[in-house]
Every structure is written in structure tokens, then in C-alpha cells.
Amino acid sequence: MRRTPHCRRAHQEHLGKGTPLSVIICDIDHFKQVNDRHGHLSGDRVIQEVAGLIARQLRAGDPAIRWGGEEFLVVVQASSGVAMGLAERLRSAVEHFHDPEVGQVTLSLGVAEILSGESIEQLLGRADGALYRAKRSGRNCTISAAGN
């Protein structure tokens, strides 16, 4: 897992001030099917729409970045409980979005709060593991990483 400037800054603040730090990794469900069935232009439009929906749900100072392909990373300077609430708002906002060509779009999300002495890479790895558990659980759900 790679670091981002947002993660580094939030981690430094966590270490220096003791502020809580959580991350949310979001993945658009069945996105390959969107590209395969409707084409890459439709896929790009869906990514842009989802990015906008995510951005509108965030608090000031909680950055969301495109993490890769159809994944987004949200850095939340808050406890896992607050991050889980935010993740559920993200999931719900996307679930209620209906693309005229593609139809309903959903997200799977993994949430993790940093543990004492944990690196950013470890935190991101736990959130990614929670994301994969959400996918295996049927998608369109939010899972918190163990240890929170």
C-alpha cells in the first residue's frame, strides 16, 4: 500500500497531537462490468459521479483521493465510530444514485482506525482487508477492520 501526502500529514498530526485517525477505502462494485457492458466513457462518467457524491458527504478537511481504478481513499481525523458513520453515508449516497445508462451503482467500503504504534501502511492494509471482507459479504456494505 502506498502513502499519500494526506496520509503523512494526518499521521504526523496523530503522532504529535494524539488526534484520532481513520481511513476509508471505497470500491465501486462490479465496475469492470460497467466498462465491459457500457464502455469506458460510461465508466469514466460513473467514476466522476461517485467522486462528486463522496466529496459532498465529507467534512471540511477530510480529503478523498482516487486511490486507483475505481477505488477512493478518504482520510478522516476521527475515531472509527465517526468514520463508520461517514462510510455509511457515502455508501447510502452512492446507492441512491441511478445512472441513466448504467443503472444503480453501489460501493463496498473498508474502515480502519490507527492503532498505537501502527504505520500508515499497516493502517491501509487493515482497511483494505476490511474492504475485501465487504466484497465477500455481498458488496454494497461497510466493514470495520478488526482491532478498532
C-alpha atoms as a PDB file:
ATOM      1  CA  MET A   1       0.000   0.000   0.000  1.00  0.00           C
ATOM      2  CA  ARG A   2       1.287   3.420  -0.831  1.00  0.00           C
ATOM      3  CA  ARG A   3       1.337   6.545   1.282  1.00  0.00           C
ATOM      4  CA  THR A   4      -0.178   9.829   0.196  1.00  0.00           C
ATOM      5  CA  PRO A   5       0.692  13.357   1.340  1.00  0.00           C
ATOM      6  CA  HIS A   6      -2.734  13.440   3.050  1.00  0.00           C
ATOM      7  CA  CYS A   7      -1.929  10.269   4.992  1.00  0.00           C
ATOM      8  CA  ARG A   8       1.506  11.549   6.003  1.00  0.00           C
ATOM      9  CA  ARG A   9       0.117  14.866   7.277  1.00  0.00           C
ATOM     10  CA  ALA A  10      -2.714  13.185   9.174  1.00  0.00           C
ATOM     11  CA  HIS A  11      -0.287  10.638  10.643  1.00  0.00           C
ATOM     12  CA  GLN A  12       2.072  13.388  11.791  1.00  0.00           C
ATOM     13  CA  GLU A  13      -0.822  15.200  13.462  1.00  0.00           C
ATOM     14  CA  HIS A  14      -1.915  11.938  15.078  1.00  0.00           C
ATOM     15  CA  LEU A  15       1.594  11.364  16.432  1.00  0.00           C
ATOM     16  CA  GLY A  16       2.132  14.982  17.513  1.00  0.00           C
ATOM     17  CA  LYS A  17      -1.258  15.863  18.966  1.00  0.00           C
ATOM     18  CA  GLY A  18      -2.837  12.478  19.608  1.00  0.00           C
ATOM     19  CA  THR A  19      -5.727  13.194  17.238  1.00  0.00           C
ATOM     20  CA  PRO A  20      -7.636  10.107  16.114  1.00  0.00           C
ATOM     21  CA  LEU A  21      -7.004   8.909  12.578  1.00  0.00           C
ATOM     22  CA  SER A  22      -9.105   6.601  10.427  1.00  0.00           C
ATOM     23  CA  VAL A  23      -9.208   5.730   6.760  1.00  0.00           C
ATOM     24  CA  ILE A  24     -11.997   4.553   4.494  1.00  0.00           C
ATOM     25  CA  ILE A  25     -11.269   2.669   1.284  1.00  0.00           C
ATOM     26  CA  CYS A  26     -14.212   2.633  -1.143  1.00  0.00           C
ATOM     27  CA  ASP A  27     -14.557   0.464  -4.231  1.00  0.00           C
ATOM     28  CA  ILE A  28     -17.270   0.779  -6.890  1.00  0.00           C
ATOM     29  CA  ASP A  29     -18.963  -2.624  -7.048  1.00  0.00           C
ATOM     30  CA  HIS A  30     -18.788  -4.615 -10.285  1.00  0.00           C
ATOM     31  CA  PHE A  31     -17.067  -1.747 -12.070  1.00  0.00           C
ATOM     32  CA  LYS A  32     -15.437  -3.995 -14.685  1.00  0.00           C
ATOM     33  CA  GLN A  33     -18.945  -4.920 -15.846  1.00  0.00           C
ATOM     34  CA  VAL A  34     -19.762  -1.224 -16.304  1.00  0.00           C
ATOM     35  CA  ASN A  35     -16.783  -0.803 -18.633  1.00  0.00           C
ATOM     36  CA  ASP A  36     -17.413  -4.109 -20.423  1.00  0.00           C
ATOM     37  CA  ARG A  37     -21.146  -3.528 -20.975  1.00  0.00           C
ATOM     38  CA  HIS A  38     -21.326   0.234 -21.443  1.00  0.00           C
ATOM     39  CA  GLY A  39     -17.816   1.297 -22.458  1.00  0.00           C
ATOM     40  CA  HIS A  40     -15.055   3.284 -20.849  1.00  0.00           C
ATOM     41  CA  LEU A  41     -16.755   6.652 -21.387  1.00  0.00           C
ATOM     42  CA  SER A  42     -19.671   5.467 -19.255  1.00  0.00           C
ATOM     43  CA  GLY A  43     -17.225   4.078 -16.727  1.00  0.00           C
ATOM     44  CA  ASP A  44     -15.430   7.426 -16.560  1.00  0.00           C
ATOM     45  CA  ARG A  45     -18.759   9.206 -16.057  1.00  0.00           C
ATOM     46  CA  VAL A  46     -19.678   6.837 -13.205  1.00  0.00           C
ATOM     47  CA  ILE A  47     -16.296   7.445 -11.530  1.00  0.00           C
ATOM     48  CA  GLN A  48     -16.822  11.213 -11.792  1.00  0.00           C
ATOM     49  CA  GLU A  49     -20.358  10.985 -10.395  1.00  0.00           C
ATOM     50  CA  VAL A  50     -19.242   8.781  -7.490  1.00  0.00           C
ATOM     51  CA  ALA A  51     -16.335  11.136  -6.755  1.00  0.00           C
ATOM     52  CA  GLY A  52     -18.776  14.054  -6.587  1.00  0.00           C
ATOM     53  CA  LEU A  53     -21.164  12.146  -4.321  1.00  0.00           C
ATOM     54  CA  ILE A  54     -18.301  11.263  -1.986  1.00  0.00           C
ATOM     55  CA  ALA A  55     -16.986  14.838  -1.921  1.00  0.00           C
ATOM     56  CA  ARG A  56     -20.419  16.223  -0.996  1.00  0.00           C
ATOM     57  CA  GLN A  57     -20.634  13.954   2.066  1.00  0.00           C
ATOM     58  CA  LEU A  58     -17.234  14.861   3.550  1.00  0.00           C
ATOM     59  CA  ARG A  59     -16.428  17.258   6.333  1.00  0.00           C
ATOM     60  CA  ALA A  60     -14.056  20.125   5.607  1.00  0.00           C
ATOM     61  CA  GLY A  61     -10.520  18.831   5.980  1.00  0.00           C
ATOM     62  CA  ASP A  62     -11.315  15.163   5.264  1.00  0.00           C
ATOM     63  CA  PRO A  63      -9.712  14.594   1.853  1.00  0.00           C
ATOM     64  CA  ALA A  64     -10.862  11.985  -0.624  1.00  0.00           C
ATOM     65  CA  ILE A  65      -8.498  10.875  -3.343  1.00  0.00           C
ATOM     66  CA  ARG A  66      -8.772   8.459  -6.206  1.00  0.00           C
ATOM     67  CA  TRP A  67      -6.803   5.505  -4.907  1.00  0.00           C
ATOM     68  CA  GLY A  68      -6.704   3.574  -8.143  1.00  0.00           C
ATOM     69  CA  GLY A  69      -9.023   2.422 -10.890  1.00  0.00           C
ATOM     70  CA  GLU A  70     -12.427   2.545  -9.222  1.00  0.00           C
ATOM     71  CA  GLU A  71     -11.192   2.951  -5.638  1.00  0.00           C
ATOM     72  CA  PHE A  72     -11.200   6.019  -3.419  1.00  0.00           C
ATOM     73  CA  LEU A  73      -9.402   6.704  -0.143  1.00  0.00           C
ATOM     74  CA  VAL A  74     -10.861   9.013   2.495  1.00  0.00           C
ATOM     75  CA  VAL A  75      -8.609  10.193   5.354  1.00  0.00           C
ATOM     76  CA  VAL A  76     -10.663  11.011   8.447  1.00  0.00           C
ATOM     77  CA  GLN A  77      -9.213  12.656  11.528  1.00  0.00           C
ATOM     78  CA  ALA A  78     -11.755  10.981  13.768  1.00  0.00           C
ATOM     79  CA  SER A  79     -12.447   7.744  15.595  1.00  0.00           C
ATOM     80  CA  SER A  80     -13.573   4.583  13.834  1.00  0.00           C
ATOM     81  CA  GLY A  81     -17.136   5.219  15.045  1.00  0.00           C
ATOM     82  CA  VAL A  82     -17.249   8.584  13.275  1.00  0.00           C
ATOM     83  CA  ALA A  83     -15.536   7.089  10.231  1.00  0.00           C
ATOM     84  CA  MET A  84     -18.059   4.220  10.120  1.00  0.00           C
ATOM     85  CA  GLY A  85     -20.916   6.747  10.192  1.00  0.00           C
ATOM     86  CA  LEU A  86     -19.309   8.687   7.350  1.00  0.00           C
ATOM     87  CA  ALA A  87     -18.675   5.490   5.381  1.00  0.00           C
ATOM     88  CA  GLU A  88     -22.337   4.524   5.712  1.00  0.00           C
ATOM     89  CA  ARG A  89     -23.376   7.979   4.463  1.00  0.00           C
ATOM     90  CA  LEU A  90     -21.062   7.514   1.460  1.00  0.00           C
ATOM     91  CA  ARG A  91     -22.483   4.052   0.770  1.00  0.00           C
ATOM     92  CA  SER A  92     -26.058   5.285   1.033  1.00  0.00           C
ATOM     93  CA  ALA A  93     -25.476   8.356  -1.160  1.00  0.00           C
ATOM     94  CA  VAL A  94     -23.999   6.214  -3.916  1.00  0.00           C
ATOM     95  CA  GLU A  95     -26.658   3.521  -3.534  1.00  0.00           C
ATOM     96  CA  HIS A  96     -29.331   6.157  -4.206  1.00  0.00           C
ATOM     97  CA  PHE A  97     -27.541   7.378  -7.341  1.00  0.00           C
ATOM     98  CA  HIS A  98     -29.048   5.999 -10.549  1.00  0.00           C
ATOM     99  CA  ASP A  99     -27.059   6.457 -13.740  1.00  0.00           C
ATOM    100  CA  PRO A 100     -29.409   6.742 -16.754  1.00  0.00           C
ATOM    101  CA  GLU A 101     -27.339   4.284 -18.791  1.00  0.00           C
ATOM    102  CA  VAL A 102     -25.714   2.033 -16.168  1.00  0.00           C
ATOM    103  CA  GLY A 103     -28.466   1.918 -13.547  1.00  0.00           C
ATOM    104  CA  GLN A 104     -27.816   1.575  -9.812  1.00  0.00           C
ATOM    105  CA  VAL A 105     -24.247   1.950  -8.602  1.00  0.00           C
ATOM    106  CA  THR A 106     -23.054   0.664  -5.211  1.00  0.00           C
ATOM    107  CA  LEU A 107     -19.917   0.800  -3.064  1.00  0.00           C
ATOM    108  CA  SER A 108     -18.108  -1.618  -0.809  1.00  0.00           C
ATOM    109  CA  LEU A 109     -16.141   0.088   1.965  1.00  0.00           C
ATOM    110  CA  GLY A 110     -13.456  -0.854   4.473  1.00  0.00           C
ATOM    111  CA  VAL A 111     -12.781   1.295   7.548  1.00  0.00           C
ATOM    112  CA  ALA A 112      -9.857   1.224   9.981  1.00  0.00           C
ATOM    113  CA  GLU A 113      -8.666   3.425  12.844  1.00  0.00           C
ATOM    114  CA  ILE A 114      -4.952   3.603  13.507  1.00  0.00           C
ATOM    115  CA  LEU A 115      -3.695   1.519  16.396  1.00  0.00           C
ATOM    116  CA  SER A 116      -0.957   2.593  18.800  1.00  0.00           C
ATOM    117  CA  GLY A 117       2.418   2.289  17.092  1.00  0.00           C
ATOM    118  CA  GLU A 118       0.894   1.325  13.756  1.00  0.00           C
ATOM    119  CA  SER A 119       2.363   2.612  10.476  1.00  0.00           C
ATOM    120  CA  ILE A 120       0.275   4.147   7.709  1.00  0.00           C
ATOM    121  CA  GLU A 121       0.983   1.082   5.584  1.00  0.00           C
ATOM    122  CA  GLN A 122      -0.400  -1.200   8.306  1.00  0.00           C
ATOM    123  CA  LEU A 123      -3.476   1.015   8.736  1.00  0.00           C
ATOM    124  CA  LEU A 124      -4.140   0.996   4.988  1.00  0.00           C
ATOM    125  CA  GLY A 125      -3.599  -2.754   4.858  1.00  0.00           C
ATOM    126  CA  ARG A 126      -6.220  -3.324   7.568  1.00  0.00           C
ATOM    127  CA  ALA A 127      -8.701  -1.042   5.787  1.00  0.00           C
ATOM    128  CA  ASP A 128      -8.028  -2.894   2.531  1.00  0.00           C
ATOM    129  CA  GLY A 129      -8.644  -6.214   4.292  1.00  0.00           C
ATOM    130  CA  ALA A 130     -11.964  -4.879   5.604  1.00  0.00           C
ATOM    131  CA  LEU A 131     -12.862  -3.767   2.062  1.00  0.00           C
ATOM    132  CA  TYR A 132     -12.269  -7.271   0.745  1.00  0.00           C
ATOM    133  CA  ARG A 133     -14.413  -8.716   3.532  1.00  0.00           C
ATOM    134  CA  ALA A 134     -17.176  -6.298   2.457  1.00  0.00           C
ATOM    135  CA  LYS A 135     -16.894  -7.583  -1.112  1.00  0.00           C
ATOM    136  CA  ARG A 136     -17.021 -11.202   0.053  1.00  0.00           C
ATOM    137  CA  SER A 137     -20.071 -10.337   2.208  1.00  0.00           C
ATOM    138  CA  GLY A 138     -22.136  -9.485  -0.847  1.00  0.00           C
ATOM    139  CA  ARG A 139     -20.929  -5.940  -1.616  1.00  0.00           C
ATOM    140  CA  ASN A 140     -22.807  -2.690  -1.001  1.00  0.00           C
ATOM    141  CA  CYS A 141     -21.774  -2.742   2.651  1.00  0.00           C
ATOM    142  CA  THR A 142     -19.307  -1.227   5.097  1.00  0.00           C
ATOM    143  CA  ILE A 143     -16.965  -3.368   7.219  1.00  0.00           C
ATOM    144  CA  SER A 144     -14.708  -2.157  10.022  1.00  0.00           C
ATOM    145  CA  ALA A 145     -11.238  -3.668  10.395  1.00  0.00           C
ATOM    146  CA  ALA A 146     -10.548  -5.867  13.406  1.00  0.00           C
ATOM    147  CA  GLY A 147      -8.770  -4.110  16.220  1.00  0.00           C
ATOM    148  CA  ASN A 148     -10.910  -0.957  16.175  1.00  0.00           C
END
